[in-house]
Amino acid sequence: MEIWKFLVLFFCAFFGGVAIFLVKSDKSQLLKLILSFSGAYLFAITVLHLIPDAYSGIDKAEIGIFILIGFLLQIFLEQFSEGVEHGHIHKHHDSHVFPLGIMISLCLHGFLEGMPLAKDQNNELIFGISLHHIPAAFALASILVQNKFKAKSVTFYISIFAIMAPLGYYFSISLSNGGINGMEPYFNKVMGIVIGIFLHISTTILFESSSDHKINLRKMLAVLTGIGIALIGFFAAGHTH
């Protein structure tokens, strides 16, 4: 396990959350640009890297089923998370009511998103996932602050969310290397579920970036930059051979 990936995953989410105490002006437009970039990047990496890798195994005939399961799972999770993983911030007027559904679904989402990093040999995924967690953590912190939670409590819950992706990364390494007895053959199936989640998250972000099916210049540049960087990494890694 590469420690620097663990640290990048954790601190991007952590600082994205605690930024709620530092930001004095409305940064929603900046968060939307980060979302647009990360959504486009994750979509491109999923298509260029994760899907071909998942279909390279001997059980490739079943992968499509698990991709559909992952897609549907994300739809189910969003019934509880209220779209926080997309950077959505919803008003909660009941003071000191802990958003348990949001927290649980967001943590599970973060855990699953960390799993593909076990096969991320060219570091194509790490930064896209990390950037994606910045607005998600900020949205979670905003909800907690609106619910009148103290700074220490907000920091604690943000830390829990921030550790989920590194834990998913660690778990997937054990899974892919056979460190968990008898589970190695299931790695590609788990990746299929993660692919389905990535496809739902990334396409939702891209669709929500537009209004009346139109997208402004800054968001278009963010999307093209995300796809462009993914393509550069794809060709640099020699995947076309």
Protein backbone atom coordinates (compact mmCIF):
# COMPACT_ATOMS: atom_id res chain seq x y z
CA MET A 1 0.00 0.00 0.00
CA GLU A 2 1.34 3.40 -1.03
CA ILE A 3 1.07 5.68 2.00
CA TRP A 4 0.95 8.87 -0.07
CA LYS A 5 -2.32 7.73 -1.67
CA PHE A 6 -3.77 7.10 1.78
CA LEU A 7 -2.76 10.63 2.83
CA VAL A 8 -4.05 12.32 -0.34
CA LEU A 9 -7.42 10.59 -0.04
CA PHE A 10 -7.79 11.46 3.62
CA PHE A 11 -6.60 15.07 3.61
CA CYS A 12 -8.47 16.15 0.45
CA ALA A 13 -11.74 15.06 2.05
CA PHE A 14 -10.75 16.35 5.48
CA PHE A 15 -9.69 19.81 4.32
CA GLY A 16 -12.69 19.95 1.99
CA GLY A 17 -14.88 19.51 5.06
CA VAL A 18 -13.13 21.80 7.54
CA ALA A 19 -13.00 24.49 4.84
CA ILE A 20 -16.54 25.29 5.97
CA PHE A 21 -14.93 27.17 8.89
CA LEU A 22 -12.53 29.08 6.63
CA VAL A 23 -14.72 30.11 3.71
CA LYS A 24 -16.39 33.45 4.38
CA SER A 25 -17.84 34.04 0.92
CA ASP A 26 -19.96 31.93 -1.40
CA LYS A 27 -17.70 29.44 -3.15
CA SER A 28 -20.49 27.42 -4.75
CA GLN A 29 -19.34 28.25 -8.28
CA LEU A 30 -15.82 27.01 -7.52
CA LEU A 31 -17.23 23.81 -6.04
CA LYS A 32 -19.34 23.28 -9.16
CA LEU A 33 -16.27 23.64 -11.36
CA ILE A 34 -14.39 21.10 -9.23
CA LEU A 35 -17.40 18.78 -9.50
CA SER A 36 -17.57 19.19 -13.28
CA PHE A 37 -13.87 18.42 -13.63
CA SER A 38 -13.92 15.42 -11.32
CA GLY A 39 -17.14 14.06 -12.85
CA ALA A 40 -15.70 14.21 -16.37
CA TYR A 41 -12.39 12.75 -15.21
CA LEU A 42 -14.04 9.86 -13.34
CA PHE A 43 -16.27 9.09 -16.31
CA ALA A 44 -13.31 9.04 -18.71
CA ILE A 45 -11.19 6.89 -16.39
CA THR A 46 -14.08 4.47 -15.90
CA VAL A 47 -14.52 4.05 -19.65
CA LEU A 48 -10.83 3.98 -20.55
CA HIS A 49 -9.40 2.04 -17.61
CA LEU A 50 -11.82 0.38 -15.18
CA ILE A 51 -14.27 -1.21 -17.64
CA PRO A 52 -11.56 -2.80 -19.86
CA ASP A 53 -9.75 -4.11 -16.76
CA ALA A 54 -12.94 -5.60 -15.32
CA TYR A 55 -13.71 -7.38 -18.59
CA SER A 56 -10.20 -8.83 -18.80
CA GLY A 57 -10.96 -11.52 -16.20
CA ILE A 58 -12.28 -15.01 -16.80
CA ASP A 59 -15.67 -14.05 -15.34
CA LYS A 60 -16.24 -11.21 -17.80
CA ALA A 61 -19.66 -12.52 -18.86
CA GLU A 62 -21.03 -11.59 -15.43
CA ILE A 63 -19.43 -8.16 -15.09
CA GLY A 64 -22.30 -6.33 -16.77
CA ILE A 65 -24.70 -7.63 -14.13
CA PHE A 66 -22.52 -6.25 -11.33
CA ILE A 67 -22.19 -2.89 -13.13
CA LEU A 68 -25.99 -2.69 -13.16
CA ILE A 69 -26.07 -3.65 -9.47
CA GLY A 70 -23.62 -0.84 -8.68
CA PHE A 71 -25.67 1.66 -10.70
CA LEU A 72 -28.86 0.69 -8.86
CA LEU A 73 -27.03 0.65 -5.51
CA GLN A 74 -26.01 4.28 -5.99
CA ILE A 75 -29.61 5.22 -6.77
CA PHE A 76 -30.62 3.51 -3.52
CA LEU A 77 -27.88 5.23 -1.50
CA GLU A 78 -28.94 8.63 -2.78
CA GLN A 79 -32.36 8.15 -1.21
CA PHE A 80 -30.52 8.57 2.10
CA SER A 81 -27.56 10.77 1.15
CA GLU A 82 -29.76 13.38 -0.59
CA GLY A 83 -27.11 13.84 -3.28
CA VAL A 84 -24.36 15.04 -0.92
CA GLU A 85 -21.83 13.07 -2.99
CA HIS A 86 -22.69 15.46 -5.83
CA GLY A 87 -21.95 18.44 -3.62
CA HIS A 88 -25.62 19.13 -2.92
CA ILE A 89 -26.32 21.13 0.21
CA HIS A 90 -29.85 20.80 1.54
CA LYS A 91 -31.35 22.91 4.29
CA HIS A 92 -32.04 21.01 7.51
CA HIS A 93 -33.93 23.15 9.97
CA ASP A 94 -34.07 20.81 12.97
CA SER A 95 -31.21 21.75 15.27
CA HIS A 96 -28.96 19.00 16.62
CA VAL A 97 -30.62 16.29 14.53
CA PHE A 98 -27.85 14.05 13.25
CA PRO A 99 -28.27 13.18 9.54
CA LEU A 100 -27.62 9.46 10.09
CA GLY A 101 -28.85 8.33 6.68
CA ILE A 102 -26.61 10.85 4.93
CA MET A 103 -23.60 9.87 7.01
CA ILE A 104 -23.97 6.11 6.55
CA SER A 105 -24.63 6.24 2.80
CA LEU A 106 -21.84 8.77 2.23
CA CYS A 107 -19.34 6.64 4.19
CA LEU A 108 -20.30 3.52 2.24
CA HIS A 109 -19.97 5.50 -0.97
CA GLY A 110 -16.50 6.72 0.03
CA PHE A 111 -15.40 3.21 1.02
CA LEU A 112 -16.45 1.76 -2.33
CA GLU A 113 -14.81 4.60 -4.27
CA GLY A 114 -11.46 3.81 -2.66
CA MET A 115 -11.49 0.21 -3.84
CA PRO A 116 -10.35 0.62 -7.49
CA LEU A 117 -7.09 2.18 -6.27
CA ALA A 118 -5.67 -1.30 -5.67
CA LYS A 119 -5.28 -1.58 -9.46
CA ASP A 120 -4.44 2.09 -10.05
CA GLN A 121 -0.82 1.43 -11.02
CA ASN A 122 -0.50 4.58 -13.15
CA ASN A 123 -2.15 6.83 -10.53
CA GLU A 124 -4.97 7.69 -12.90
CA LEU A 125 -7.76 7.50 -10.34
CA ILE A 126 -6.31 8.86 -7.11
CA PHE A 127 -6.61 12.56 -7.90
CA GLY A 128 -10.05 12.33 -9.52
CA ILE A 129 -11.50 10.53 -6.51
CA SER A 130 -9.77 12.88 -4.09
CA LEU A 131 -11.08 15.98 -5.88
CA HIS A 132 -14.55 14.47 -6.02
CA HIS A 133 -14.55 14.11 -2.22
CA ILE A 134 -13.77 17.81 -1.61
CA PRO A 135 -17.25 19.16 -2.47
CA ALA A 136 -18.89 16.07 -0.93
CA ALA A 137 -17.12 16.71 2.41
CA PHE A 138 -17.92 20.42 2.19
CA ALA A 139 -21.61 19.64 1.65
CA LEU A 140 -21.62 17.22 4.61
CA ALA A 141 -19.96 19.82 6.84
CA SER A 142 -22.46 22.45 5.72
CA ILE A 143 -25.38 20.23 6.72
CA LEU A 144 -23.82 19.57 10.14
CA VAL A 145 -23.18 23.30 10.69
CA GLN A 146 -26.77 24.12 9.68
CA ASN A 147 -27.91 21.57 12.27
CA LYS A 148 -26.00 23.54 14.94
CA PHE A 149 -23.25 20.98 15.56
CA LYS A 150 -20.14 22.33 17.25
CA ALA A 151 -16.85 22.63 15.39
CA LYS A 152 -15.33 19.64 17.23
CA SER A 153 -18.25 17.41 16.31
CA VAL A 154 -18.21 18.54 12.68
CA THR A 155 -14.45 17.85 12.49
CA PHE A 156 -14.96 14.40 14.03
CA TYR A 157 -17.64 13.36 11.54
CA ILE A 158 -15.68 14.77 8.62
CA SER A 159 -12.69 12.69 9.78
CA ILE A 160 -14.84 9.56 9.74
CA PHE A 161 -15.93 10.29 6.16
CA ALA A 162 -12.36 11.15 5.14
CA ILE A 163 -11.01 7.79 6.36
CA MET A 164 -13.54 5.73 4.38
CA ALA A 165 -11.83 5.88 0.97
CA PRO A 166 -8.40 4.97 2.44
CA LEU A 167 -10.07 2.03 4.21
CA GLY A 168 -11.65 0.96 0.92
CA TYR A 169 -8.23 1.19 -0.71
CA TYR A 170 -6.68 -0.97 2.02
CA PHE A 171 -9.52 -3.51 1.85
CA SER A 172 -9.26 -3.83 -1.94
CA ILE A 173 -5.51 -4.46 -1.74
CA SER A 174 -6.16 -7.34 0.64
CA LEU A 175 -8.96 -8.57 -1.62
CA SER A 176 -6.98 -8.42 -4.87
CA ASN A 177 -3.84 -9.99 -3.38
CA GLY A 178 -5.67 -12.84 -1.72
CA GLY A 179 -5.00 -11.41 1.72
CA ILE A 180 -8.63 -12.16 2.56
CA ASN A 181 -8.94 -15.92 2.22
CA GLY A 182 -11.04 -17.06 -0.70
CA MET A 183 -12.07 -13.57 -1.80
CA GLU A 184 -9.62 -12.87 -4.64
CA PRO A 185 -11.89 -14.37 -7.36
CA TYR A 186 -14.57 -11.85 -6.40
CA PHE A 187 -12.40 -8.77 -6.96
CA ASN A 188 -13.60 -8.09 -10.52
CA LYS A 189 -17.22 -8.48 -9.43
CA VAL A 190 -16.68 -5.88 -6.71
CA MET A 191 -15.03 -3.66 -9.31
CA GLY A 192 -18.13 -4.06 -11.48
CA ILE A 193 -20.24 -2.66 -8.64
CA VAL A 194 -17.81 0.26 -8.22
CA ILE A 195 -17.91 0.91 -11.98
CA GLY A 196 -21.70 1.13 -11.82
CA ILE A 197 -21.42 3.64 -8.97
CA PHE A 198 -18.84 5.70 -10.87
CA LEU A 199 -21.00 5.73 -14.00
CA HIS A 200 -24.01 6.97 -12.04
CA ILE A 201 -22.06 9.59 -10.06
CA SER A 202 -20.10 10.97 -13.02
CA THR A 203 -23.02 11.15 -15.45
CA THR A 204 -25.28 12.72 -12.81
CA ILE A 205 -22.66 15.38 -12.12
CA LEU A 206 -22.30 16.11 -15.84
CA PHE A 207 -26.07 16.31 -16.42
CA GLU A 208 -26.53 18.53 -13.38
CA SER A 209 -23.78 20.86 -14.60
CA SER A 210 -26.08 22.12 -17.30
CA SER A 211 -29.26 24.17 -17.20
CA ASP A 212 -31.82 23.62 -19.98
CA HIS A 213 -29.25 21.30 -21.60
CA LYS A 214 -26.82 24.20 -21.92
CA ILE A 215 -23.45 24.49 -20.24
CA ASN A 216 -21.44 27.66 -19.70
CA LEU A 217 -17.92 28.12 -20.99
CA ARG A 218 -16.15 27.63 -17.65
CA LYS A 219 -17.90 24.34 -16.96
CA MET A 220 -17.27 23.16 -20.50
CA LEU A 221 -13.58 23.89 -20.05
CA ALA A 222 -13.59 22.02 -16.72
CA VAL A 223 -15.23 19.01 -18.37
CA LEU A 224 -12.87 19.02 -21.36
CA THR A 225 -9.88 19.42 -19.02
CA GLY A 226 -10.98 16.40 -16.99
CA ILE A 227 -11.42 14.25 -20.09
CA GLY A 228 -8.20 15.58 -21.61
CA ILE A 229 -6.09 14.73 -18.56
CA ALA A 230 -7.61 11.24 -18.48
CA LEU A 231 -6.74 10.75 -22.17
CA ILE A 232 -3.18 11.99 -21.64
CA GLY A 233 -2.73 9.46 -18.84
CA PHE A 234 -4.30 6.75 -20.99
CA PHE A 235 -1.93 7.26 -23.91
CA ALA A 236 1.10 7.89 -21.70
CA ALA A 237 0.53 4.54 -19.99
CA GLY A 238 0.52 2.77 -23.33
CA HIS A 239 -2.97 1.30 -23.01
CA THR A 240 -3.39 1.39 -26.79
CA HIS A 241 -0.79 -1.33 -27.33
